[in-house]
Amino acid sequence: MPRTKREEAKLLGYAILFNKQGQLISERTTTDLSKLQRHLTKEDFNLLQSTMRSATRELDSVHNKIEADLNGRKS
């Protein structure tokens, strides 16, 4: 099967998982942006870096809130 060229890529993801032991797990995935630098203008790459920093900060805040809620229910 020939490989098709993708037009998009997932750069940042966040998931809440439920495992077989009954635990809730949060997971954040990121992409190494340095591999994209050669494909973007300097301005676009800087904008991407800034957006990723902001999004990461916001997702960390969500993660911390979920974790605090779950820990509060265990007590």
C-alpha atoms as a PDB file:
ATOM      1  CA  MET A   1       0.000   0.000   0.000  1.00  0.00           C
ATOM      2  CA  PRO A   2       1.557   3.324  -1.007  1.00  0.00           C
ATOM      3  CA  ARG A   3       2.093   5.880   1.697  1.00  0.00           C
ATOM      4  CA  THR A   4       0.049   9.053   1.270  1.00  0.00           C
ATOM      5  CA  LYS A   5       1.457  12.472   2.019  1.00  0.00           C
ATOM      6  CA  ARG A   6      -0.311  14.032   4.992  1.00  0.00           C
ATOM      7  CA  GLU A   7      -1.519  17.607   4.903  1.00  0.00           C
ATOM      8  CA  GLU A   8      -1.706  18.019   8.677  1.00  0.00           C
ATOM      9  CA  ALA A   9      -0.088  16.844  11.893  1.00  0.00           C
ATOM     10  CA  LYS A  10      -1.176  16.616  15.510  1.00  0.00           C
ATOM     11  CA  LEU A  11       1.135  18.908  17.450  1.00  0.00           C
ATOM     12  CA  LEU A  12      -0.464  18.792  20.872  1.00  0.00           C
ATOM     13  CA  GLY A  13      -2.939  16.373  22.393  1.00  0.00           C
ATOM     14  CA  TYR A  14      -4.585  15.748  25.734  1.00  0.00           C
ATOM     15  CA  ALA A  15      -6.462  12.640  26.738  1.00  0.00           C
ATOM     16  CA  ILE A  16      -8.156  11.287  29.844  1.00  0.00           C
ATOM     17  CA  LEU A  17      -7.876   7.499  29.932  1.00  0.00           C
ATOM     18  CA  PHE A  18      -9.513   4.832  32.068  1.00  0.00           C
ATOM     19  CA  ASN A  19      -7.363   1.720  32.552  1.00  0.00           C
ATOM     20  CA  LYS A  20      -8.250  -1.866  33.473  1.00  0.00           C
ATOM     21  CA  GLN A  21      -7.386  -1.239  37.137  1.00  0.00           C
ATOM     22  CA  GLY A  22     -10.107   1.438  37.302  1.00  0.00           C
ATOM     23  CA  GLN A  23      -7.713   4.360  37.378  1.00  0.00           C
ATOM     24  CA  LEU A  24      -8.181   7.629  35.523  1.00  0.00           C
ATOM     25  CA  ILE A  25      -5.020   8.789  33.788  1.00  0.00           C
ATOM     26  CA  SER A  26      -4.410  12.073  32.024  1.00  0.00           C
ATOM     27  CA  GLU A  27      -1.916  12.175  29.192  1.00  0.00           C
ATOM     28  CA  ARG A  28      -0.474  15.074  27.231  1.00  0.00           C
ATOM     29  CA  THR A  29       1.442  14.487  24.011  1.00  0.00           C
ATOM     30  CA  THR A  30       3.561  16.999  22.142  1.00  0.00           C
ATOM     31  CA  THR A  31       5.581  17.091  18.968  1.00  0.00           C
ATOM     32  CA  ASP A  32       9.194  18.142  18.546  1.00  0.00           C
ATOM     33  CA  LEU A  33       8.734  21.483  16.791  1.00  0.00           C
ATOM     34  CA  SER A  34      12.352  21.714  15.663  1.00  0.00           C
ATOM     35  CA  LYS A  35      11.555  19.222  12.895  1.00  0.00           C
ATOM     36  CA  LEU A  36       9.001  21.667  11.486  1.00  0.00           C
ATOM     37  CA  GLN A  37      11.236  24.727  11.516  1.00  0.00           C
ATOM     38  CA  ARG A  38      12.640  24.150   8.036  1.00  0.00           C
ATOM     39  CA  HIS A  39       9.120  23.995   6.579  1.00  0.00           C
ATOM     40  CA  LEU A  40       7.900  27.308   8.031  1.00  0.00           C
ATOM     41  CA  THR A  41       8.832  30.949   7.724  1.00  0.00           C
ATOM     42  CA  LYS A  42      10.589  32.437  10.733  1.00  0.00           C
ATOM     43  CA  GLU A  43       7.435  34.384  11.649  1.00  0.00           C
ATOM     44  CA  ASP A  44       5.185  31.320  11.370  1.00  0.00           C
ATOM     45  CA  PHE A  45       7.588  29.205  13.406  1.00  0.00           C
ATOM     46  CA  ASN A  46       7.756  31.840  16.155  1.00  0.00           C
ATOM     47  CA  LEU A  47       3.953  32.052  16.178  1.00  0.00           C
ATOM     48  CA  LEU A  48       3.741  28.258  16.431  1.00  0.00           C
ATOM     49  CA  GLN A  49       6.184  28.183  19.352  1.00  0.00           C
ATOM     50  CA  SER A  50       4.254  30.894  21.174  1.00  0.00           C
ATOM     51  CA  THR A  51       0.937  29.123  20.579  1.00  0.00           C
ATOM     52  CA  MET A  52       2.345  25.821  21.820  1.00  0.00           C
ATOM     53  CA  ARG A  53       3.716  27.448  24.996  1.00  0.00           C
ATOM     54  CA  SER A  54       0.335  29.025  25.707  1.00  0.00           C
ATOM     55  CA  ALA A  55      -1.597  25.823  24.983  1.00  0.00           C
ATOM     56  CA  THR A  56       0.784  23.764  27.121  1.00  0.00           C
ATOM     57  CA  ARG A  57       0.348  26.176  30.033  1.00  0.00           C
ATOM     58  CA  GLU A  58      -3.445  25.957  29.737  1.00  0.00           C
ATOM     59  CA  LEU A  59      -3.444  22.147  29.489  1.00  0.00           C
ATOM     60  CA  ASP A  60      -1.164  21.929  32.524  1.00  0.00           C
ATOM     61  CA  SER A  61      -3.723  24.001  34.417  1.00  0.00           C
ATOM     62  CA  VAL A  62      -6.526  21.626  33.363  1.00  0.00           C
ATOM     63  CA  HIS A  63      -4.384  18.625  34.303  1.00  0.00           C
ATOM     64  CA  ASN A  64      -3.664  20.035  37.767  1.00  0.00           C
ATOM     65  CA  LYS A  65      -7.367  20.744  38.383  1.00  0.00           C
ATOM     66  CA  ILE A  66      -8.408  17.229  37.330  1.00  0.00           C
ATOM     67  CA  GLU A  67      -5.661  15.697  39.454  1.00  0.00           C
ATOM     68  CA  ALA A  68      -6.704  17.777  42.481  1.00  0.00           C
ATOM     69  CA  ASP A  69     -10.359  16.766  42.006  1.00  0.00           C
ATOM     70  CA  LEU A  70      -9.447  13.086  41.787  1.00  0.00           C
ATOM     71  CA  ASN A  71      -7.137  13.258  44.809  1.00  0.00           C
ATOM     72  CA  GLY A  72      -9.874  15.021  46.793  1.00  0.00           C
ATOM     73  CA  ARG A  73     -12.287  12.168  46.105  1.00  0.00           C
ATOM     74  CA  LYS A  74      -9.780   9.534  47.234  1.00  0.00           C
ATOM     75  CA  SER A  75      -9.464  11.089  50.704  1.00  0.00           C
END
